[in-house]
Protein backbone atom coordinates (compact mmCIF):
# COMPACT_ATOMS: atom_id res chain seq x y z
CA MET A 1 12.71 45.47 -97.35
CA THR A 2 9.16 44.90 -97.24
CA TYR A 3 8.03 41.65 -98.90
CA PHE A 4 4.76 40.81 -100.14
CA PRO A 5 3.34 37.50 -98.76
CA LEU A 6 2.35 34.85 -101.01
CA MET A 7 1.69 31.07 -100.84
CA LEU A 8 2.54 29.17 -104.26
CA ASP A 9 1.07 26.06 -105.17
CA LEU A 10 4.01 23.88 -106.54
CA ARG A 11 2.07 20.91 -107.60
CA ASP A 12 3.71 19.61 -111.12
CA ARG A 13 5.67 22.98 -111.39
CA PRO A 14 9.37 22.62 -112.09
CA VAL A 15 11.63 23.67 -109.54
CA LEU A 16 15.52 23.78 -109.25
CA LEU A 17 17.09 23.30 -105.78
CA ILE A 18 20.67 23.87 -105.70
CA ALA A 19 21.58 21.58 -103.11
CA GLY A 20 24.55 21.27 -100.65
CA GLY A 21 23.97 23.36 -97.53
CA PRO A 22 23.33 21.98 -94.09
CA GLU A 23 19.51 22.34 -94.56
CA THR A 24 19.14 21.10 -98.00
CA GLU A 25 17.26 17.97 -96.49
CA ALA A 26 14.62 20.15 -94.94
CA LYS A 27 14.25 21.95 -98.16
CA LEU A 28 14.00 18.94 -100.12
CA GLN A 29 11.74 17.39 -98.26
CA ALA A 30 9.40 20.43 -98.29
CA LEU A 31 9.23 20.79 -102.19
CA LEU A 32 8.78 17.13 -102.56
CA SER A 33 5.60 17.76 -99.83
CA ALA A 34 4.52 20.41 -101.88
CA GLY A 35 4.40 18.38 -105.05
CA ALA A 36 7.17 19.98 -107.24
CA ARG A 37 8.47 18.60 -110.14
CA LEU A 38 11.90 18.67 -108.74
CA THR A 39 15.18 18.79 -110.16
CA VAL A 40 18.51 18.76 -107.74
CA LEU A 41 21.65 19.94 -108.47
CA ALA A 42 24.16 18.28 -106.19
CA GLU A 43 27.49 16.70 -106.59
CA GLU A 44 27.39 14.56 -103.47
CA ASP A 45 24.63 12.30 -102.35
CA ALA A 46 24.04 13.45 -98.75
CA PHE A 47 20.35 13.43 -98.68
CA GLY A 48 19.19 10.22 -100.08
CA LEU A 49 19.19 11.57 -103.89
CA GLU A 50 19.95 8.36 -105.39
CA ALA A 51 17.06 6.29 -103.69
CA LEU A 52 14.75 9.42 -104.78
CA GLU A 53 15.69 9.50 -108.11
CA ARG A 54 14.99 5.45 -108.49
CA GLU A 55 11.83 6.26 -107.00
CA GLY A 56 11.08 8.88 -109.88
CA LYS A 57 10.71 11.73 -107.28
CA ILE A 58 13.45 13.61 -108.49
CA ARG A 59 15.94 14.31 -111.39
CA TRP A 60 19.27 14.66 -110.07
CA LEU A 61 22.18 16.40 -111.59
CA ARG A 62 25.68 15.20 -110.24
CA ARG A 63 27.36 18.66 -110.44
CA GLY A 64 27.08 21.96 -109.22
CA TYR A 65 25.58 25.10 -110.85
CA ARG A 66 26.62 26.09 -114.63
CA GLU A 67 25.33 29.10 -116.29
CA GLY A 68 22.16 28.09 -118.10
CA ASP A 69 21.08 25.76 -115.12
CA LEU A 70 17.93 27.87 -114.70
CA GLU A 71 16.12 27.75 -118.10
CA GLY A 72 12.74 26.55 -117.72
CA PHE A 73 12.04 26.45 -113.80
CA PHE A 74 9.00 28.17 -112.17
CA LEU A 75 11.32 28.75 -108.94
CA VAL A 76 14.86 28.25 -108.13
CA ILE A 77 16.19 27.65 -104.28
CA SER A 78 19.87 27.70 -103.88
CA HIS A 79 21.33 26.18 -100.60
CA PRO A 80 24.79 25.15 -101.63
CA LYS A 81 27.89 24.61 -99.55
CA ASP A 82 29.46 27.65 -100.79
CA LYS A 83 27.16 30.95 -101.33
CA ALA A 84 29.74 32.46 -103.69
CA ILE A 85 27.99 31.15 -106.53
CA HIS A 86 24.77 33.16 -105.48
CA PRO A 87 25.60 36.32 -107.44
CA LYS A 88 26.01 34.65 -110.63
CA VAL A 89 22.85 32.32 -110.11
CA LYS A 90 20.78 35.68 -109.14
CA ALA A 91 21.89 37.52 -112.30
CA GLU A 92 20.57 34.58 -114.35
CA ALA A 93 17.42 34.45 -112.21
CA ASP A 94 16.76 37.97 -112.61
CA GLN A 95 17.73 37.74 -116.51
CA ARG A 96 15.08 34.94 -116.87
CA GLY A 97 12.28 36.62 -114.56
CA ILE A 98 12.58 33.21 -112.10
CA PHE A 99 12.14 33.95 -108.58
CA LEU A 100 15.04 32.89 -106.40
CA VAL A 101 15.21 31.89 -102.85
CA ALA A 102 19.02 32.01 -101.86
CA VAL A 103 19.00 30.57 -98.28
CA ASP A 104 20.60 32.68 -95.79
CA ASP A 105 21.80 35.08 -98.70
CA PRO A 106 18.62 37.74 -98.45
CA GLN A 107 20.91 40.40 -100.49
CA ASN A 108 21.14 37.74 -103.57
CA ALA A 109 17.53 36.76 -103.14
CA SER A 110 14.22 38.03 -104.89
CA ALA A 111 12.32 35.71 -102.45
CA ILE A 112 12.52 34.31 -98.99
CA LEU A 113 11.40 31.40 -96.91
CA PRO A 114 9.32 31.73 -93.87
CA ALA A 115 9.36 29.46 -90.77
CA VAL A 116 6.11 27.64 -91.10
CA LEU A 117 4.03 26.22 -88.76
CA ARG A 118 1.60 23.40 -90.17
CA ARG A 119 -1.43 22.12 -88.70
CA GLY A 120 -3.02 20.26 -91.56
CA GLU A 121 -4.49 22.83 -93.95
CA LEU A 122 -3.69 25.38 -91.55
CA VAL A 123 -0.72 26.98 -92.43
CA VAL A 124 0.97 29.67 -90.49
CA ALA A 125 4.24 31.32 -91.72
CA LEU A 126 6.48 33.69 -90.03
CA SER A 127 8.86 35.69 -91.14
CA THR A 128 11.15 38.73 -89.97
CA SER A 129 11.86 39.99 -94.10
CA GLY A 130 15.71 38.37 -93.39
CA ALA A 131 16.60 40.43 -90.45
CA ALA A 132 16.57 37.60 -88.01
CA PRO A 133 15.58 33.90 -89.30
CA ALA A 134 16.28 32.67 -85.53
CA LEU A 135 13.90 34.88 -84.14
CA ALA A 136 10.90 33.59 -86.51
CA VAL A 137 11.75 29.99 -85.56
CA ARG A 138 11.43 30.69 -82.02
CA LEU A 139 8.00 32.56 -82.61
CA LYS A 140 7.06 29.42 -84.52
CA GLU A 141 7.49 27.38 -81.53
CA ARG A 142 5.60 29.67 -79.46
CA LEU A 143 2.84 29.41 -81.94
CA ALA A 144 2.95 25.70 -81.88
CA GLN A 145 1.63 25.65 -78.06
CA LEU A 146 -0.96 28.17 -79.03
CA PHE A 147 -2.26 25.92 -81.93
CA PRO A 148 -2.21 22.24 -81.22
CA PRO A 149 -3.06 19.62 -83.95
CA GLU A 150 -6.60 19.80 -83.18
CA TYR A 151 -6.76 23.09 -85.12
CA GLY A 152 -5.85 21.00 -88.19
CA GLU A 153 -8.67 18.87 -87.55
CA LEU A 154 -11.07 21.96 -86.85
CA VAL A 155 -10.20 23.05 -90.45
CA ALA A 156 -10.81 19.70 -91.94
CA TYR A 157 -14.08 19.73 -90.31
CA LEU A 158 -14.94 23.36 -91.67
CA ARG A 159 -13.87 22.52 -95.07
CA SER A 160 -16.67 19.52 -94.82
CA LEU A 161 -19.03 22.19 -94.13
CA ARG A 162 -18.47 24.41 -96.99
CA PRO A 163 -20.65 22.46 -99.29
CA ARG A 164 -23.76 22.53 -96.65
CA LEU A 165 -23.52 26.09 -96.00
CA ALA A 166 -23.57 27.06 -99.60
CA GLN A 167 -26.97 25.60 -99.81
CA ILE A 168 -28.36 28.51 -97.43
CA PRO A 169 -29.36 31.29 -100.16
CA ASP A 170 -28.89 34.32 -98.06
CA PHE A 171 -25.57 35.78 -97.82
CA GLU A 172 -25.75 37.51 -94.78
CA GLU A 173 -27.16 34.33 -93.04
CA ARG A 174 -24.39 32.33 -94.58
CA LYS A 175 -21.94 34.61 -93.07
CA ARG A 176 -23.52 35.27 -89.61
CA LEU A 177 -23.43 31.15 -89.31
CA TRP A 178 -19.78 30.77 -90.45
CA TYR A 179 -18.79 33.32 -87.88
CA ARG A 180 -21.11 31.66 -85.06
CA ILE A 181 -19.45 28.48 -85.80
CA VAL A 182 -16.03 29.66 -85.90
CA ASP A 183 -16.52 31.81 -82.88
CA GLN A 184 -17.75 28.81 -80.81
CA ALA A 185 -15.29 26.48 -81.87
CA LEU A 186 -12.43 28.80 -80.69
CA GLU A 187 -13.65 29.57 -77.68
CA GLU A 188 -14.16 25.64 -77.21
CA LEU A 189 -10.40 24.85 -78.11
CA ASP A 190 -9.19 27.75 -76.12
CA LEU A 191 -10.57 26.17 -73.00
CA ASP A 192 -9.88 22.34 -73.81
CA PRO A 193 -8.15 21.44 -77.34
CA LYS A 194 -8.68 17.75 -76.63
CA GLU A 195 -12.48 17.99 -75.66
CA GLY A 196 -13.00 21.03 -77.15
CA LEU A 197 -13.11 20.19 -80.59
CA ALA A 198 -16.07 17.49 -79.94
CA ARG A 199 -17.76 20.11 -78.41
CA ALA A 200 -17.37 22.43 -81.08
CA ILE A 201 -18.72 19.88 -83.61
CA GLU A 202 -21.35 19.27 -81.71
CA LYS A 203 -22.52 22.95 -81.40
CA ALA A 204 -21.78 23.47 -84.93
CA GLU A 205 -24.23 20.99 -85.86
CA GLU A 206 -26.85 22.33 -83.68
CA ALA A 207 -26.60 25.84 -85.32
CA LEU A 208 -26.68 24.08 -88.63
CA LYS A 209 -30.04 22.33 -87.74
CA GLU A 210 -31.18 25.74 -86.54
CA ALA A 211 -30.28 27.32 -89.86
CA VAL A 212 -31.80 25.03 -92.11
CA TRP A 213 -35.23 25.00 -89.72
CA THR A 214 -35.48 28.92 -89.81
CA ARG A 215 -34.53 29.91 -93.22
């Protein structure tokens, strides 16, 4: 199957998590980090649900899935102990036009979760289209070695440059300067991530001074 890759803004979006499977806690924390307005279906509190409910971070329904539970949700992630419920969940999701992530059950899903590497605002998502999730995890581990935390700091610095570069009126000059700064930064980080970030920022500031002087 060919998937269309997409990153969603879940801030304050109503999301349903059908919980219980072994990786429920990881999915729960990822959804909270994304700012989702989260409802959790779970018969047992094995994931700190009561404390999260007291803190106002989730709404917890202390039971399993029932037909009609998907009404009003933007996205559903289903990771129950028993995947036998998934055909019913998928039927309702399809009827309501809601994307469903059925964890470890791609034939009953309309969306899948990639393996994700985060370095601040730098997000790298990997997927084998549901064929071999373990391979995606191992590839993510390799990428983690290629992209140490300094890459996240680089992204934060580059974000801070956007208002300054926007003041350069000529599009081609802005484009040329952006790529000059980025190429220099990548070269420095490839040589030495820890020391290279400072050198990359220094070179970027020099390039900005030149651009302002010559435009």
